[in-house]
Amino acid sequence: MNEIKRIDTVQQYNDYFGMETLHPLVTVIDAREANPVHFCPKLYNLYAILMKDPDCGTLKYGRSIYDYQQGTMLFLAPGQVMGSDDDGQLHQPGGWLLAFHPELVRNTPLAQFPYQHIPDLTFIRSEE
């Protein structure tokens, strides 16, 4: 069983991928420019949105295993665990990653929004 890597800060997230930290609370990464990484389960203490370009196979999300195909989007909130066990090889990430620290939305309506109301959200199409 692999040890779970904690990602508590944007700096730690950027360090994992070998990327420069341009802002302490938010990062956007083109994963094709990131360093190859060893797989490992990660405890995210950040919000993250991942758009996976390559077929990354199976990942553990919490205690369940899912098959993530090309074009999958993943949404993570602080306290969630996601990743794959280390197979001993380096893997080149693909896709895009947006991660931000909870401090970025503190004292905003988004930070106070109860999870049970997420199904009530709607998307409004703007007229061109």
C-alpha atoms as a PDB file:
ATOM      1  CA  MET A   1       0.000   0.000   0.000  1.00  0.00           C
ATOM      2  CA  ASN A   2       1.325   3.426  -0.907  1.00  0.00           C
ATOM      3  CA  GLU A   3       1.680   6.226   1.570  1.00  0.00           C
ATOM      4  CA  ILE A   4      -0.813   9.025   0.942  1.00  0.00           C
ATOM      5  CA  LYS A   5       0.879  12.260  -0.145  1.00  0.00           C
ATOM      6  CA  ARG A   6      -0.635  15.368   1.460  1.00  0.00           C
ATOM      7  CA  ILE A   7      -1.148  18.403  -0.762  1.00  0.00           C
ATOM      8  CA  ASP A   8      -1.883  21.269   1.630  1.00  0.00           C
ATOM      9  CA  THR A   9      -0.665  24.250  -0.383  1.00  0.00           C
ATOM     10  CA  VAL A  10      -0.444  25.465  -3.965  1.00  0.00           C
ATOM     11  CA  GLN A  11       3.346  25.428  -3.526  1.00  0.00           C
ATOM     12  CA  GLN A  12       3.294  21.694  -2.673  1.00  0.00           C
ATOM     13  CA  TYR A  13       1.050  20.995  -5.678  1.00  0.00           C
ATOM     14  CA  ASN A  14       3.387  22.873  -8.012  1.00  0.00           C
ATOM     15  CA  ASP A  15       6.441  21.190  -6.473  1.00  0.00           C
ATOM     16  CA  TYR A  16       4.908  17.752  -7.148  1.00  0.00           C
ATOM     17  CA  PHE A  17       4.706  18.596 -10.853  1.00  0.00           C
ATOM     18  CA  GLY A  18       7.968  20.568 -10.970  1.00  0.00           C
ATOM     19  CA  MET A  19       6.203  23.826 -11.807  1.00  0.00           C
ATOM     20  CA  GLU A  20       6.992  27.370 -10.693  1.00  0.00           C
ATOM     21  CA  THR A  21       4.579  28.932  -8.198  1.00  0.00           C
ATOM     22  CA  LEU A  22       3.404  32.266  -9.557  1.00  0.00           C
ATOM     23  CA  HIS A  23       0.694  32.868  -6.940  1.00  0.00           C
ATOM     24  CA  PRO A  24       0.435  31.371  -3.436  1.00  0.00           C
ATOM     25  CA  LEU A  25      -3.314  30.658  -3.632  1.00  0.00           C
ATOM     26  CA  VAL A  26      -4.002  29.502  -7.202  1.00  0.00           C
ATOM     27  CA  THR A  27      -2.283  27.633 -10.023  1.00  0.00           C
ATOM     28  CA  VAL A  28      -3.121  26.602 -13.564  1.00  0.00           C
ATOM     29  CA  ILE A  29      -0.914  23.890 -15.031  1.00  0.00           C
ATOM     30  CA  ASP A  30      -0.598  22.625 -18.595  1.00  0.00           C
ATOM     31  CA  ALA A  31       0.357  19.114 -17.525  1.00  0.00           C
ATOM     32  CA  ARG A  32       2.311  18.489 -20.746  1.00  0.00           C
ATOM     33  CA  GLU A  33       4.850  20.987 -19.365  1.00  0.00           C
ATOM     34  CA  ALA A  34       5.034  19.244 -15.971  1.00  0.00           C
ATOM     35  CA  ASN A  35       7.766  16.845 -14.939  1.00  0.00           C
ATOM     36  CA  PRO A  36       7.011  13.121 -15.163  1.00  0.00           C
ATOM     37  CA  VAL A  37       5.716  11.850 -11.813  1.00  0.00           C
ATOM     38  CA  HIS A  38       5.325   8.634  -9.871  1.00  0.00           C
ATOM     39  CA  PHE A  39       1.704   7.750  -9.201  1.00  0.00           C
ATOM     40  CA  CYS A  40       0.563   7.925  -5.600  1.00  0.00           C
ATOM     41  CA  PRO A  41      -2.676   8.505  -3.721  1.00  0.00           C
ATOM     42  CA  LYS A  42      -2.978  12.149  -2.692  1.00  0.00           C
ATOM     43  CA  LEU A  43      -4.968  13.856   0.047  1.00  0.00           C
ATOM     44  CA  TYR A  44      -6.047  17.168  -1.472  1.00  0.00           C
ATOM     45  CA  ASN A  45      -6.494  20.018   0.977  1.00  0.00           C
ATOM     46  CA  LEU A  46      -7.129  22.300  -1.994  1.00  0.00           C
ATOM     47  CA  TYR A  47      -9.920  22.629  -4.496  1.00  0.00           C
ATOM     48  CA  ALA A  48      -8.887  21.163  -7.848  1.00  0.00           C
ATOM     49  CA  ILE A  49     -10.369  20.757 -11.297  1.00  0.00           C
ATOM     50  CA  LEU A  50      -8.494  18.362 -13.549  1.00  0.00           C
ATOM     51  CA  MET A  51      -9.147  17.930 -17.275  1.00  0.00           C
ATOM     52  CA  LYS A  52      -7.440  14.673 -18.168  1.00  0.00           C
ATOM     53  CA  ASP A  53      -6.300  14.452 -21.816  1.00  0.00           C
ATOM     54  CA  PRO A  54      -4.799  10.978 -21.855  1.00  0.00           C
ATOM     55  CA  ASP A  55      -6.604   7.805 -20.913  1.00  0.00           C
ATOM     56  CA  CYS A  56      -5.219   7.536 -17.389  1.00  0.00           C
ATOM     57  CA  GLY A  57      -6.774   4.176 -16.643  1.00  0.00           C
ATOM     58  CA  THR A  58      -8.099   3.396 -13.210  1.00  0.00           C
ATOM     59  CA  LEU A  59      -7.811   5.781 -10.284  1.00  0.00           C
ATOM     60  CA  LYS A  60      -8.904   5.410  -6.710  1.00  0.00           C
ATOM     61  CA  TYR A  61     -11.259   8.170  -5.677  1.00  0.00           C
ATOM     62  CA  GLY A  62     -11.983   7.792  -1.990  1.00  0.00           C
ATOM     63  CA  ARG A  63     -12.423   4.064  -1.476  1.00  0.00           C
ATOM     64  CA  SER A  64     -13.807   3.331  -4.948  1.00  0.00           C
ATOM     65  CA  ILE A  65     -11.991   2.561  -8.199  1.00  0.00           C
ATOM     66  CA  TYR A  66     -13.039   4.332 -11.401  1.00  0.00           C
ATOM     67  CA  ASP A  67     -11.958   3.995 -15.028  1.00  0.00           C
ATOM     68  CA  TYR A  68     -11.068   7.478 -16.269  1.00  0.00           C
ATOM     69  CA  GLN A  69     -11.000   7.819 -20.028  1.00  0.00           C
ATOM     70  CA  GLN A  70      -9.701  10.585 -22.274  1.00  0.00           C
ATOM     71  CA  GLY A  71     -11.430  13.915 -21.668  1.00  0.00           C
ATOM     72  CA  THR A  72     -12.537  13.149 -18.116  1.00  0.00           C
ATOM     73  CA  MET A  73     -12.971  16.078 -15.738  1.00  0.00           C
ATOM     74  CA  LEU A  74     -12.380  15.571 -12.038  1.00  0.00           C
ATOM     75  CA  PHE A  75     -13.533  17.941  -9.305  1.00  0.00           C
ATOM     76  CA  LEU A  76     -11.912  17.717  -5.887  1.00  0.00           C
ATOM     77  CA  ALA A  77     -12.673  19.490  -2.634  1.00  0.00           C
ATOM     78  CA  PRO A  78     -10.430  19.760   0.419  1.00  0.00           C
ATOM     79  CA  GLY A  79     -10.224  16.499   2.333  1.00  0.00           C
ATOM     80  CA  GLN A  80     -10.671  14.170  -0.654  1.00  0.00           C
ATOM     81  CA  VAL A  81      -8.201  11.421  -1.576  1.00  0.00           C
ATOM     82  CA  MET A  82      -7.532  10.486  -5.199  1.00  0.00           C
ATOM     83  CA  GLY A  83      -4.737   8.793  -7.109  1.00  0.00           C
ATOM     84  CA  SER A  84      -3.227   5.511  -8.240  1.00  0.00           C
ATOM     85  CA  ASP A  85      -0.769   3.182  -6.584  1.00  0.00           C
ATOM     86  CA  ASP A  86       2.862   3.643  -7.594  1.00  0.00           C
ATOM     87  CA  ASP A  87       3.805   1.118 -10.271  1.00  0.00           C
ATOM     88  CA  GLY A  88       7.485   2.080 -10.036  1.00  0.00           C
ATOM     89  CA  GLN A  89       7.481   4.029 -13.301  1.00  0.00           C
ATOM     90  CA  LEU A  90       7.452   7.709 -14.174  1.00  0.00           C
ATOM     91  CA  HIS A  91       4.377   8.961 -16.036  1.00  0.00           C
ATOM     92  CA  GLN A  92       4.024  12.140 -18.085  1.00  0.00           C
ATOM     93  CA  PRO A  93       0.830  13.910 -17.043  1.00  0.00           C
ATOM     94  CA  GLY A  94      -1.495  15.318 -19.668  1.00  0.00           C
ATOM     95  CA  GLY A  95      -4.381  17.754 -19.654  1.00  0.00           C
ATOM     96  CA  TRP A  96      -4.945  20.840 -17.550  1.00  0.00           C
ATOM     97  CA  LEU A  97      -5.089  21.350 -13.803  1.00  0.00           C
ATOM     98  CA  LEU A  98      -6.585  24.215 -11.848  1.00  0.00           C
ATOM     99  CA  ALA A  99      -6.003  24.198  -8.103  1.00  0.00           C
ATOM    100  CA  PHE A 100      -6.749  26.820  -5.508  1.00  0.00           C
ATOM    101  CA  HIS A 101      -6.428  27.102  -1.769  1.00  0.00           C
ATOM    102  CA  PRO A 102      -9.654  27.466   0.282  1.00  0.00           C
ATOM    103  CA  GLU A 103      -8.359  30.878   1.441  1.00  0.00           C
ATOM    104  CA  LEU A 104      -9.018  32.176  -2.087  1.00  0.00           C
ATOM    105  CA  VAL A 105     -12.793  31.886  -1.583  1.00  0.00           C
ATOM    106  CA  ARG A 106     -12.945  32.547   2.165  1.00  0.00           C
ATOM    107  CA  ASN A 107     -15.509  35.224   3.071  1.00  0.00           C
ATOM    108  CA  THR A 108     -17.263  34.821  -0.274  1.00  0.00           C
ATOM    109  CA  PRO A 109     -20.691  33.290  -0.927  1.00  0.00           C
ATOM    110  CA  LEU A 110     -18.971  30.292  -2.520  1.00  0.00           C
ATOM    111  CA  ALA A 111     -17.259  29.411   0.763  1.00  0.00           C
ATOM    112  CA  GLN A 112     -20.562  29.470   2.657  1.00  0.00           C
ATOM    113  CA  PHE A 113     -22.503  27.525   0.022  1.00  0.00           C
ATOM    114  CA  PRO A 114     -23.819  24.276   1.578  1.00  0.00           C
ATOM    115  CA  TYR A 115     -23.089  21.154  -0.452  1.00  0.00           C
ATOM    116  CA  GLN A 116     -26.709  19.993  -0.218  1.00  0.00           C
ATOM    117  CA  HIS A 117     -27.718  22.959  -2.426  1.00  0.00           C
ATOM    118  CA  ILE A 118     -25.416  22.055  -5.335  1.00  0.00           C
ATOM    119  CA  PRO A 119     -28.300  20.370  -7.263  1.00  0.00           C
ATOM    120  CA  ASP A 120     -30.163  23.706  -7.100  1.00  0.00           C
ATOM    121  CA  LEU A 121     -27.472  25.480  -9.134  1.00  0.00           C
ATOM    122  CA  THR A 122     -28.335  26.318 -12.729  1.00  0.00           C
ATOM    123  CA  PHE A 123     -26.386  27.513 -15.713  1.00  0.00           C
ATOM    124  CA  ILE A 124     -27.690  30.610 -17.416  1.00  0.00           C
ATOM    125  CA  ARG A 125     -27.049  30.893 -21.108  1.00  0.00           C
ATOM    126  CA  SER A 126     -26.180  34.438 -22.131  1.00  0.00           C
ATOM    127  CA  GLU A 127     -27.722  35.857 -25.260  1.00  0.00           C
ATOM    128  CA  GLU A 128     -25.245  36.920 -27.911  1.00  0.00           C
END
